[in-house]
Each structure stands twice: as structure tokens, then as C-alpha cells.
Amino acid sequence: MPERPTYRVVQWATGNVGLRSLRVVIEHPDLELVGLFVYSDAKAGRDAGELCGLGPVGVTATQDVDEILALEADCVIYMGDRFDVDVLCRLLASGANVVATRGELHRPASLDPAVRERIEAACREGGTTVHSTGSSPGFISEALPLVLTSIQRRLDSLVIDEFADLSSRDSPELLFDLMGFGKDPSAFGGSRRWEHGAMSFGPSLSVVADALGLPLDSVEASGEVATARHTTQIAAGTIEAGTVAAQRMIATGMHKGEPLLTFRANWYCTPDIEPAWPLQASGWHVAVAGDAPLDVTVSFPVAPEDYAAMTPGLTAHRPVNAIPYVVAAEPGIRTIVDLPQVIAMLGANR
């Protein structure tokens, strides 16, 4: 068997997912970490390996974009917490391909036309490709639906439910301050709270619909909350009876006036809620209605206390696995439909 090529890679950002991606790149037999960009002053100047729990690897974290551009990397794994078009275009124009986890980049036609043209011009200049993927959006909203619909000749609807049991998440600021658990339901206000669902998942759902020849007329955002029936103690604190204990964000792709593709994110701190929702342990459920009906449940067989260690990989691993396909792709913004099926290379390079 011929030796596989090695790709020079930069990791961009080191949040929970970025740190997992960084570690995977370092350990990957086909990848060479050549650079690391960080936002935090506290991380700048530190060795990349030490930041992700490994030994020193000789790559120092930097906050200098010019240093990254000078590395002439084959690919940058862009996991920034913001969609910085200026930086993205500089990376692409420099000759670095980009694998991202930004929902905005899942479908070129969903971008503002001026932004799209800027990105595509940068790709032409650098002869490069940008592709966005991950677990959600990504694997569960694109890869799996495309597989499940491959045995259909009529699709009536496809509904994806994502479930996250947050009872063991010891993050009071995230759950109570940012997400609003433990608050009165009236604090959630109107529909504007849920609009980020359509923005995050609309491009991904639209890619699938386009591929199936059933383009969406629109993606509608909605949501709802449920309250605790009894006062409940979770790892992050106390959920009082009558306060928000579960919330559901919904993005619905409409085709000819009917729901065709739906994504629902179900976050809950206890299943003992009013009104009662059909909840499952953390994972996904996909229901396909068509001429080959399917009901698929994907669960994570790990103990709740291990979720924090396991879940970053759900988003981090697919972008890493996609690197060879992105580097080989034609220049431009490429979707899941434009690339070959992403296959993980798990064996040694020999």
C-alpha cells in the first residue's frame, strides 16, 4: 500500500471543541500541526501540546494572523467563535484551504451575495476551498439524512430531534444565566429568542433539500419551553417547581407550504416536566416519513459523568476527517454534496 500524503494543518481557536480538534490533529498519522491561533492572552506563547493535555510538540500558540499566513499550511481548521469574513478571506487567498464549523458556510446560496462573492474571490485567488461541517449542524442534519433518504422514492417529511440531558452539567452560568433554565416562562419572550435556530440550521437543511430536488420555500424558527413539575436538584443548582426545566428550539424547512425537513433541539434538566414531552437520553432521533418509513435512534452509551469528555469529539472529529477531501476539492465554497463521502482514516500511515 503506498504511503498516504501528510497535510500541514493549523488549528484556529481552542474552546472545548478546538482543544479536542487540536489533540486529534497532533495524534493523527496523516497530519502535521504547524500552527495554532488563539484568542486568549493567557494561551498565547504556550506550547500547543501542553494546551490540550499532551507533551510539548514545538508549536507555539499565537494571536498574530500574519504568523499563521506565513506558515503556508495546507489546511486551517477554523473553529472561531465568530464569523470573521476578513480573516477567512485572508486565509483562503494565502493558499490555505479551510475546514470550518460555522453554520453560515454550509450553503453558499444562504450567504449574503456580497459576502459570498468575497469568499469565492479569495478562493479563486488562493486556489483554495472552504467547507463547513461538524456534528450538529453537519453529521446529523446532512450526512445521516442523505443516507436515510437514499432508499426513498417519496419523502413526506424528515424530523430530527436532538436531545441533551443537562442534569449532570455543572455549569451554572451557562444553564441559568445564558440559557434561562430556572426562570419564569414569561422571561423567554416572543419568537426572536428562537431565530438563531433558523440561522444555524437553515443552510444545512436547505443543502439537503436542494440535493433531493425539493428546495425549501423558507426556514421558519419557533420554540417552546416546559416547566418543572417538582423542585429538582441538578449538578448546576436548583430548578424550582414551575420554572423552566426544558426548552425546545425548532427550525422547520417548508416546501410548497408543508413542513419537509425539521430540526428540533431538546434541552432539558429533568424529564419530569409540564407539559410532558417525549424525551430520550442524550443523542438523536430521526423519523423519516415516505415510501420507506424509518425510525432511527442514535444514543451515546457513556455515563453522564463522561459526557463532558466525550461530546467535544462529536463536533471536532468530522472536520479533521474531512481535511484530505477539502484539500483535493475544486476551489470555492463546497458543501457536503460537492465532496466525496468523508471516511475516517483510522489506521497508521505506512
Protein backbone atom coordinates (compact mmCIF):
# COMPACT_ATOMS: atom_id res chain seq x y z
CA MET A 1 0.00 0.00 0.00
CA PRO A 2 1.50 3.39 -0.97
CA GLU A 3 2.19 5.91 1.76
CA ARG A 4 -0.54 8.48 2.20
CA PRO A 5 0.28 12.19 1.94
CA THR A 6 0.84 14.28 5.05
CA TYR A 7 -1.05 17.57 5.39
CA ARG A 8 0.27 20.66 7.15
CA VAL A 9 -2.50 21.89 9.45
CA VAL A 10 -3.25 24.96 11.56
CA GLN A 11 -5.77 24.81 14.39
CA TRP A 12 -7.74 28.06 14.77
CA ALA A 13 -9.17 28.60 18.28
CA THR A 14 -9.10 26.42 21.38
CA GLY A 15 -12.51 26.24 23.00
CA ASN A 16 -13.78 22.83 24.14
CA VAL A 17 -14.17 21.62 20.56
CA GLY A 18 -11.00 23.32 19.34
CA LEU A 19 -8.90 21.68 22.05
CA ARG A 20 -10.22 18.26 21.04
CA SER A 21 -9.51 19.02 17.39
CA LEU A 22 -6.01 20.17 18.32
CA ARG A 23 -5.29 16.96 20.16
CA VAL A 24 -6.65 14.83 17.32
CA VAL A 25 -4.50 16.66 14.76
CA ILE A 26 -1.38 16.11 16.85
CA GLU A 27 -2.14 12.40 17.19
CA HIS A 28 -3.30 11.88 13.56
CA PRO A 29 -0.86 9.82 11.43
CA ASP A 30 -1.52 11.90 8.28
CA LEU A 31 -1.47 15.41 9.79
CA GLU A 32 1.33 17.69 10.90
CA LEU A 33 0.41 20.53 13.23
CA VAL A 34 2.34 23.60 12.06
CA GLY A 35 0.43 26.42 13.76
CA LEU A 36 -2.12 27.36 16.41
CA PHE A 37 -4.15 30.57 16.62
CA VAL A 38 -5.68 31.54 19.97
CA TYR A 39 -7.82 34.45 21.14
CA SER A 40 -6.79 34.35 24.80
CA ASP A 41 -3.79 36.28 26.08
CA ALA A 42 -3.31 33.53 28.66
CA LYS A 43 -2.83 30.90 25.93
CA ALA A 44 -0.60 32.93 23.61
CA GLY A 45 3.03 31.80 23.73
CA ARG A 46 2.23 28.40 25.19
CA ASP A 47 3.06 25.08 23.54
CA ALA A 48 0.12 23.58 21.62
CA GLY A 49 0.63 20.12 23.05
CA GLU A 50 0.57 21.35 26.62
CA LEU A 51 -2.66 23.30 25.98
CA CYS A 52 -4.51 20.10 25.02
CA GLY A 53 -3.06 17.83 27.68
CA LEU A 54 -0.19 16.31 25.72
CA GLY A 55 3.54 16.85 25.98
CA PRO A 56 5.32 19.67 24.14
CA VAL A 57 5.16 19.45 20.34
CA GLY A 58 7.22 22.51 19.44
CA VAL A 59 4.34 24.59 18.08
CA THR A 60 3.68 27.85 19.92
CA ALA A 61 0.22 29.42 20.10
CA THR A 62 -0.05 32.87 18.54
CA GLN A 63 -2.51 35.73 18.22
CA ASP A 64 -0.80 37.07 15.10
CA VAL A 65 -2.71 36.34 11.88
CA ASP A 66 0.35 37.19 9.79
CA GLU A 67 2.33 34.44 11.54
CA ILE A 68 -0.36 31.94 10.57
CA LEU A 69 -0.43 33.13 6.95
CA ALA A 70 3.35 32.76 6.69
CA LEU A 71 3.17 29.04 7.56
CA GLU A 72 1.82 28.06 4.12
CA ALA A 73 -0.42 25.41 5.67
CA ASP A 74 -2.41 23.00 3.53
CA CYS A 75 -5.46 23.50 5.71
CA VAL A 76 -6.74 25.62 8.59
CA ILE A 77 -9.36 24.13 10.91
CA TYR A 78 -11.41 27.26 11.64
CA MET A 79 -13.33 26.90 14.91
CA GLY A 80 -13.58 30.54 15.84
CA ASP A 81 -16.45 31.78 17.96
CA ARG A 82 -17.24 34.42 15.33
CA PHE A 83 -17.72 34.50 11.57
CA ASP A 84 -14.86 36.80 10.61
CA VAL A 85 -15.10 37.22 6.84
CA ASP A 86 -11.94 39.33 6.66
CA VAL A 87 -9.82 36.66 8.34
CA LEU A 88 -11.44 33.85 6.38
CA CYS A 89 -10.71 35.59 3.07
CA ARG A 90 -7.10 36.28 4.07
CA LEU A 91 -6.59 32.60 4.88
CA LEU A 92 -8.12 31.42 1.62
CA ALA A 93 -6.31 33.97 -0.53
CA SER A 94 -2.99 32.94 1.05
CA GLY A 95 -3.33 29.40 -0.30
CA ALA A 96 -4.67 27.72 2.84
CA ASN A 97 -7.78 25.58 2.49
CA VAL A 98 -10.27 25.91 5.36
CA VAL A 99 -12.45 23.39 7.16
CA ALA A 100 -14.88 25.28 9.40
CA THR A 101 -17.63 24.59 11.89
CA ARG A 102 -19.62 27.72 11.12
CA GLY A 103 -23.30 27.24 10.23
CA GLU A 104 -23.17 30.21 7.84
CA LEU A 105 -20.88 28.33 5.46
CA HIS A 106 -22.91 25.15 4.97
CA ARG A 107 -24.62 26.51 1.86
CA PRO A 108 -23.21 29.23 -0.43
CA ALA A 109 -26.65 30.38 -1.59
CA SER A 110 -27.63 31.20 2.01
CA LEU A 111 -24.84 33.76 2.36
CA ASP A 112 -25.29 37.44 1.67
CA PRO A 113 -24.40 37.75 -2.06
CA ALA A 114 -21.64 40.29 -1.39
CA VAL A 115 -20.09 38.09 1.31
CA ARG A 116 -20.31 35.05 -0.91
CA GLU A 117 -18.54 36.82 -3.75
CA ARG A 118 -15.76 37.98 -1.40
CA ILE A 119 -15.17 34.42 -0.20
CA GLU A 120 -15.31 32.91 -3.66
CA ALA A 121 -12.92 35.58 -4.97
CA ALA A 122 -10.47 34.69 -2.18
CA CYS A 123 -10.79 31.01 -3.13
CA ARG A 124 -10.01 31.84 -6.75
CA GLU A 125 -7.01 33.91 -5.73
CA GLY A 126 -5.57 31.22 -3.49
CA GLY A 127 -6.78 28.19 -5.46
CA THR A 128 -8.43 27.04 -2.23
CA THR A 129 -11.59 25.51 -0.81
CA VAL A 130 -13.70 26.19 2.27
CA HIS A 131 -16.08 23.59 3.67
CA SER A 132 -18.10 23.65 6.89
CA THR A 133 -19.15 20.58 8.83
CA GLY A 134 -19.43 19.18 12.35
CA SER A 135 -21.97 17.12 14.24
CA SER A 136 -24.93 19.49 14.54
CA PRO A 137 -25.23 21.10 12.05
CA GLY A 138 -23.34 18.65 9.88
CA PHE A 139 -23.46 14.92 10.53
CA ILE A 140 -26.97 14.76 11.94
CA SER A 141 -28.56 17.39 9.68
CA GLU A 142 -26.80 16.45 6.42
CA ALA A 143 -24.77 13.23 6.33
CA LEU A 144 -27.31 10.97 8.04
CA PRO A 145 -30.41 12.44 6.29
CA LEU A 146 -28.77 11.97 2.89
CA VAL A 147 -28.07 8.31 3.72
CA LEU A 148 -31.60 7.69 5.04
CA THR A 149 -33.28 9.32 2.05
CA SER A 150 -31.16 7.26 -0.35
CA ILE A 151 -33.70 4.42 -0.06
CA GLN A 152 -36.75 6.66 -0.59
CA ARG A 153 -38.61 7.45 -3.78
CA ARG A 154 -41.10 9.67 -1.95
CA LEU A 155 -40.31 11.86 1.04
CA ASP A 156 -43.19 13.28 3.03
CA SER A 157 -41.12 14.60 5.93
CA LEU A 158 -37.92 14.11 7.89
CA VAL A 159 -37.76 15.20 11.53
CA ILE A 160 -34.53 15.32 13.52
CA ASP A 161 -34.71 15.53 17.31
CA GLU A 162 -31.55 16.29 19.21
CA PHE A 163 -31.64 15.54 22.94
CA ALA A 164 -29.33 16.94 25.61
CA ASP A 165 -29.82 15.92 29.25
CA LEU A 166 -28.16 18.77 31.13
CA SER A 167 -28.78 17.48 34.66
CA SER A 168 -25.13 16.47 35.13
CA ARG A 169 -23.70 19.64 33.54
CA ASP A 170 -22.08 21.61 36.38
CA SER A 171 -22.20 24.96 34.57
CA PRO A 172 -24.49 27.37 36.48
CA GLU A 173 -23.61 30.39 34.31
CA LEU A 174 -24.39 28.52 31.10
CA LEU A 175 -27.62 26.91 32.25
CA PHE A 176 -29.14 29.61 34.45
CA ASP A 177 -27.71 32.87 33.12
CA LEU A 178 -27.26 32.20 29.40
CA MET A 179 -29.87 29.53 28.63
CA GLY A 180 -32.50 30.70 31.11
CA PHE A 181 -33.22 27.49 32.98
CA GLY A 182 -34.81 28.10 36.37
CA LYS A 183 -36.53 31.30 35.17
CA ASP A 184 -40.21 32.05 34.85
CA PRO A 185 -41.51 31.03 31.40
CA SER A 186 -42.54 34.63 30.71
CA ALA A 187 -38.85 35.59 30.64
CA PHE A 188 -38.45 33.80 27.31
CA GLY A 189 -40.49 36.44 25.49
CA GLY A 190 -41.50 36.11 21.85
CA SER A 191 -40.21 34.37 18.75
CA ARG A 192 -36.98 36.38 18.44
CA ARG A 193 -35.35 34.14 21.03
CA TRP A 194 -35.59 31.20 18.65
CA GLU A 195 -34.40 32.89 15.47
CA HIS A 196 -30.86 31.60 15.87
CA GLY A 197 -32.24 28.11 15.19
CA ALA A 198 -33.18 29.02 11.63
CA MET A 199 -29.89 30.86 11.14
CA SER A 200 -27.81 27.94 12.44
CA PHE A 201 -29.67 25.08 10.77
CA GLY A 202 -31.41 26.71 7.81
CA PRO A 203 -28.40 26.47 5.46
CA SER A 204 -27.80 22.85 6.45
CA LEU A 205 -31.42 21.78 5.93
CA SER A 206 -31.51 23.69 2.65
CA VAL A 207 -28.46 21.81 1.35
CA VAL A 208 -30.27 18.51 1.88
CA ALA A 209 -33.48 19.78 0.33
CA ASP A 210 -31.60 21.11 -2.71
CA ALA A 211 -29.83 17.78 -3.15
CA LEU A 212 -33.15 15.92 -3.08
CA GLY A 213 -34.68 18.22 -5.69
CA LEU A 214 -37.15 19.57 -3.11
CA PRO A 215 -35.93 23.13 -2.49
CA LEU A 216 -37.24 24.89 0.58
CA ASP A 217 -39.51 27.91 0.29
CA SER A 218 -38.41 29.12 3.72
CA VAL A 219 -37.00 28.02 7.08
CA GLU A 220 -39.23 29.01 9.98
CA ALA A 221 -37.99 29.46 13.54
CA SER A 222 -40.06 28.61 16.60
CA GLY A 223 -39.66 27.19 20.07
CA GLU A 224 -41.30 26.32 23.35
CA VAL A 225 -40.49 25.70 26.99
CA ALA A 226 -41.71 23.32 29.68
CA THR A 227 -41.61 23.76 33.45
CA ALA A 228 -40.52 21.52 36.30
CA ARG A 229 -43.40 19.69 37.96
CA HIS A 230 -41.40 19.45 41.18
CA THR A 231 -38.37 21.26 42.59
CA THR A 232 -35.34 19.40 41.26
CA GLN A 233 -31.68 19.45 42.22
CA ILE A 234 -29.20 19.17 39.33
CA ALA A 235 -25.42 19.45 39.25
CA ALA A 236 -25.56 23.18 38.45
CA GLY A 237 -28.07 24.09 41.15
CA THR A 238 -31.80 24.02 41.87
CA ILE A 239 -34.69 24.13 39.39
CA GLU A 240 -37.72 25.34 41.30
CA ALA A 241 -41.15 23.89 40.54
CA GLY A 242 -42.94 25.96 37.91
CA THR A 243 -39.76 27.37 36.37
CA VAL A 244 -38.24 26.48 33.02
CA ALA A 245 -36.74 22.99 33.09
CA ALA A 246 -36.79 22.19 29.35
CA GLN A 247 -36.67 24.16 26.13
CA ARG A 248 -37.06 23.20 22.51
CA MET A 249 -35.66 25.19 19.57
CA ILE A 250 -37.25 24.32 16.23
CA ALA A 251 -36.14 25.05 12.66
CA THR A 252 -38.70 23.96 10.06
CA GLY A 253 -37.92 23.81 6.35
CA MET A 254 -41.08 24.41 4.32
CA HIS A 255 -41.65 23.02 0.83
CA LYS A 256 -44.78 24.03 -1.08
CA GLY A 257 -46.40 25.21 2.14
CA GLU A 258 -45.78 22.00 4.11
CA PRO A 259 -43.05 21.05 6.62
CA LEU A 260 -40.47 18.89 4.85
CA LEU A 261 -37.31 18.97 6.98
CA THR A 262 -37.40 19.80 10.69
CA PHE A 263 -34.68 20.08 13.29
CA ARG A 264 -35.61 20.25 16.99
CA ALA A 265 -33.07 20.77 19.76
CA ASN A 266 -34.49 19.44 23.04
CA TRP A 267 -32.52 20.63 26.07
CA TYR A 268 -33.74 19.52 29.47
CA CYS A 269 -32.66 19.43 33.11
CA THR A 270 -35.25 16.85 34.15
CA PRO A 271 -37.78 14.71 32.26
CA ASP A 272 -40.39 15.47 34.95
CA ILE A 273 -41.88 18.43 33.09
CA GLU A 274 -45.20 20.07 32.23
CA PRO A 275 -46.30 19.68 29.52
CA ALA A 276 -44.77 16.24 29.07
CA TRP A 277 -42.52 15.83 26.04
CA PRO A 278 -41.29 12.55 24.53
CA LEU A 279 -37.67 12.72 25.67
CA GLN A 280 -34.80 10.28 25.35
CA ALA A 281 -31.30 10.17 26.78
CA SER A 282 -28.74 12.46 25.16
CA GLY A 283 -28.48 11.66 21.47
CA TRP A 284 -30.55 11.93 18.30
CA HIS A 285 -33.77 10.57 16.85
CA VAL A 286 -34.61 10.77 13.14
CA ALA A 287 -38.09 9.96 11.82
CA VAL A 288 -38.49 9.61 8.06
CA ALA A 289 -41.97 9.54 6.55
CA GLY A 290 -42.07 8.39 2.94
CA ASP A 291 -42.44 5.24 0.90
CA ALA A 292 -39.71 3.60 3.02
CA PRO A 293 -40.56 4.85 6.55
CA LEU A 294 -37.69 4.84 9.02
CA ASP A 295 -37.32 5.46 12.74
CA VAL A 296 -33.69 5.77 13.85
CA THR A 297 -32.37 6.40 17.37
CA VAL A 298 -28.75 7.31 17.99
CA SER A 299 -27.70 7.28 21.64
CA PHE A 300 -24.41 7.80 23.42
CA PRO A 301 -23.58 4.77 25.58
CA VAL A 302 -21.46 6.63 28.12
CA ALA A 303 -22.10 7.50 31.74
CA PRO A 304 -23.43 11.04 32.35
CA GLU A 305 -20.24 11.98 34.16
CA ASP A 306 -18.30 11.14 30.97
CA TYR A 307 -20.36 13.35 28.63
CA ALA A 308 -18.10 16.37 29.06
CA ALA A 309 -15.07 14.36 27.95
CA MET A 310 -16.85 12.66 25.05
CA THR A 311 -19.06 15.28 23.43
CA PRO A 312 -16.38 17.68 22.03
CA GLY A 313 -15.29 14.91 19.70
CA LEU A 314 -18.72 14.73 18.12
CA THR A 315 -18.11 18.11 16.53
CA ALA A 316 -14.30 18.06 16.27
CA HIS A 317 -13.66 14.75 14.55
CA ARG A 318 -15.61 15.17 11.31
CA PRO A 319 -13.80 18.39 10.27
CA VAL A 320 -10.47 16.70 10.92
CA ASN A 321 -11.52 13.65 8.89
CA ALA A 322 -12.64 15.92 6.03
CA ILE A 323 -9.23 17.57 5.52
CA PRO A 324 -7.95 15.36 2.66
CA TYR A 325 -11.22 15.78 0.76
CA VAL A 326 -11.25 19.56 1.19
CA VAL A 327 -7.62 19.91 0.09
CA ALA A 328 -8.39 17.86 -3.03
CA ALA A 329 -11.63 19.69 -3.91
CA GLU A 330 -12.10 22.29 -6.61
CA PRO A 331 -11.66 25.89 -5.35
CA GLY A 332 -14.72 27.57 -3.87
CA ILE A 333 -17.28 27.14 -1.09
CA ARG A 334 -18.03 23.42 -1.11
CA THR A 335 -20.96 21.65 0.55
CA ILE A 336 -21.39 18.05 1.66
CA VAL A 337 -22.91 17.35 -1.76
CA ASP A 338 -19.81 18.62 -3.56
CA LEU A 339 -17.37 16.40 -1.65
CA PRO A 340 -16.97 12.62 -1.64
CA GLN A 341 -18.27 10.78 1.40
CA VAL A 342 -15.99 11.58 4.33
CA ILE A 343 -14.28 8.40 5.50
CA ALA A 344 -12.18 8.45 8.66
CA MET A 345 -8.61 7.24 8.21
CA LEU A 346 -8.03 5.36 11.44
CA GLY A 347 -5.02 3.19 10.58
CA ALA A 348 -1.37 4.05 10.62
CA ASN A 349 0.28 5.78 7.67
CA ARG A 350 2.60 3.29 6.05
